[in-house]
Amino acid sequence: MIDHVVLGVHHLDESKHFYENALRPLGIKIVVDEAKLIGFAADSGHPFFWLALREPTRRVHVAFTAPDRASVDAFHAAALRSGGVDNGPPGVRPDYHSDYYGAFAFDADGNNVEAVCHRAA
């Protein structure tokens, strides 16, 4: 089980804007907001995803669980509106499994961010 993930980023404000908006449809929000560190949590309040102002993490793939397919769609739209670059529109990925519905976007540091729902349509 993973307790938390920390991504190093070049520009904390830009990354904060991207992740705050892209993760909102998934029910993930900022719970720690410090000068060099931003922490995100879901309903539990325990921050599990962090952004740190330091040498950027490169080419990481982070996938966030979405409660439904509409949330995956909303994540992707929000990510692109917030400066993300499309890396795969929302859709079924049958190569993974028949109900794998995901969408992908690159953040400002080139990390591949995904929202995925494993539920049947």
Protein backbone atom coordinates (compact mmCIF):
# COMPACT_ATOMS: atom_id res chain seq x y z
CA MET A 1 0.00 0.00 0.00
CA ILE A 2 1.28 3.47 -0.84
CA ASP A 3 1.11 6.11 1.87
CA HIS A 4 2.07 9.11 -0.26
CA VAL A 5 3.75 10.32 -3.44
CA VAL A 6 5.83 13.49 -3.81
CA LEU A 7 6.51 15.13 -7.17
CA GLY A 8 9.25 17.72 -7.46
CA VAL A 9 8.16 20.65 -9.62
CA HIS A 10 9.81 23.72 -11.20
CA HIS A 11 6.99 26.18 -10.60
CA LEU A 12 4.84 25.45 -7.58
CA ASP A 13 2.12 27.99 -8.42
CA GLU A 14 1.68 26.67 -11.97
CA SER A 15 1.63 23.07 -10.77
CA LYS A 16 -0.75 23.92 -7.94
CA HIS A 17 -3.16 25.50 -10.44
CA PHE A 18 -3.00 22.45 -12.74
CA TYR A 19 -3.46 19.80 -10.05
CA GLU A 20 -6.02 21.73 -8.01
CA ASN A 21 -8.29 21.98 -11.06
CA ALA A 22 -7.56 18.59 -12.63
CA LEU A 23 -8.08 16.66 -9.38
CA ARG A 24 -11.21 18.53 -8.22
CA PRO A 25 -13.57 16.31 -10.29
CA LEU A 26 -12.06 13.29 -8.49
CA GLY A 27 -12.86 14.69 -5.05
CA ILE A 28 -9.19 15.45 -4.31
CA LYS A 29 -8.36 18.87 -2.84
CA ILE A 30 -5.55 20.86 -1.27
CA VAL A 31 -5.27 20.35 2.50
CA VAL A 32 -1.71 21.66 3.02
CA ASP A 33 -0.55 24.85 1.30
CA GLU A 34 2.92 26.01 2.31
CA ALA A 35 5.59 28.09 0.59
CA LYS A 36 7.40 25.07 -0.89
CA LEU A 37 4.94 22.21 -0.38
CA ILE A 38 1.34 21.49 -1.42
CA GLY A 39 -0.54 18.44 -0.09
CA PHE A 40 -3.69 16.94 -1.59
CA ALA A 41 -6.21 14.63 0.06
CA ALA A 42 -9.53 12.97 -0.61
CA ASP A 43 -12.34 12.68 1.92
CA SER A 44 -10.15 11.13 4.59
CA GLY A 45 -8.15 14.33 4.92
CA HIS A 46 -4.84 12.41 4.95
CA PRO A 47 -2.60 14.05 2.33
CA PHE A 48 -1.31 11.37 -0.01
CA PHE A 49 -0.20 13.39 -3.04
CA TRP A 50 2.37 16.17 -2.64
CA LEU A 51 4.01 18.80 -4.83
CA ALA A 52 7.39 20.09 -3.65
CA LEU A 53 9.36 23.02 -5.03
CA ARG A 54 12.63 21.26 -5.90
CA GLU A 55 14.34 19.49 -8.77
CA PRO A 56 11.45 18.25 -10.92
CA THR A 57 10.48 14.63 -10.98
CA ARG A 58 10.69 13.45 -14.57
CA ARG A 59 8.51 11.10 -16.52
CA VAL A 60 6.44 9.75 -13.66
CA HIS A 61 3.06 8.18 -14.36
CA VAL A 62 0.55 8.88 -11.60
CA ALA A 63 -2.96 7.42 -11.88
CA PHE A 64 -5.83 8.65 -9.72
CA THR A 65 -8.95 6.54 -9.17
CA ALA A 66 -12.13 8.11 -10.46
CA PRO A 67 -15.52 7.13 -9.06
CA ASP A 68 -17.15 7.02 -12.50
CA ARG A 69 -16.53 7.68 -16.18
CA ALA A 70 -17.99 11.18 -16.04
CA SER A 71 -15.31 12.08 -13.48
CA VAL A 72 -12.62 10.83 -15.87
CA ASP A 73 -14.08 13.06 -18.59
CA ALA A 74 -14.21 16.03 -16.19
CA PHE A 75 -10.61 15.41 -15.06
CA HIS A 76 -9.35 15.43 -18.65
CA ALA A 77 -11.23 18.61 -19.57
CA ALA A 78 -10.05 20.38 -16.41
CA ALA A 79 -6.46 19.24 -16.93
CA LEU A 80 -6.38 20.67 -20.47
CA ARG A 81 -8.05 23.94 -19.39
CA SER A 82 -5.42 24.26 -16.64
CA GLY A 83 -2.38 24.01 -18.90
CA GLY A 84 -2.04 20.25 -19.29
CA VAL A 85 -1.18 18.66 -22.61
CA ASP A 86 -3.36 15.84 -23.92
CA ASN A 87 -1.75 12.41 -23.73
CA GLY A 88 -4.87 10.35 -24.41
CA PRO A 89 -8.52 11.39 -24.39
CA PRO A 90 -11.11 9.68 -22.20
CA GLY A 91 -12.01 6.23 -23.41
CA VAL A 92 -12.01 2.50 -22.83
CA ARG A 93 -8.56 0.91 -22.88
CA PRO A 94 -9.37 -2.76 -23.66
CA ASP A 95 -5.67 -3.67 -23.73
CA TYR A 96 -5.70 -3.19 -19.93
CA HIS A 97 -9.13 -4.78 -19.29
CA SER A 98 -12.65 -4.47 -20.71
CA ASP A 99 -13.86 -1.89 -18.17
CA TYR A 100 -10.68 0.24 -17.98
CA TYR A 101 -11.81 3.80 -18.74
CA GLY A 102 -9.01 6.34 -18.53
CA ALA A 103 -7.71 9.70 -19.68
CA PHE A 104 -4.17 11.09 -19.67
CA ALA A 105 -2.52 14.52 -19.58
CA PHE A 106 1.05 15.74 -19.21
CA ASP A 107 1.68 18.31 -16.48
CA ALA A 108 4.09 21.26 -16.91
CA ASP A 109 7.07 19.07 -15.94
CA GLY A 110 6.21 16.27 -18.38
CA ASN A 111 4.69 13.83 -15.88
CA ASN A 112 1.88 11.65 -17.21
CA VAL A 113 -1.19 12.15 -15.04
CA GLU A 114 -4.15 9.81 -15.41
CA ALA A 115 -7.66 9.40 -14.07
CA VAL A 116 -9.09 5.89 -14.33
CA CYS A 117 -12.38 4.22 -13.57
CA HIS A 118 -12.54 0.40 -13.45
CA ARG A 119 -16.33 0.14 -13.32
CA ALA A 120 -18.49 -1.14 -16.15
CA ALA A 121 -20.43 1.48 -18.11
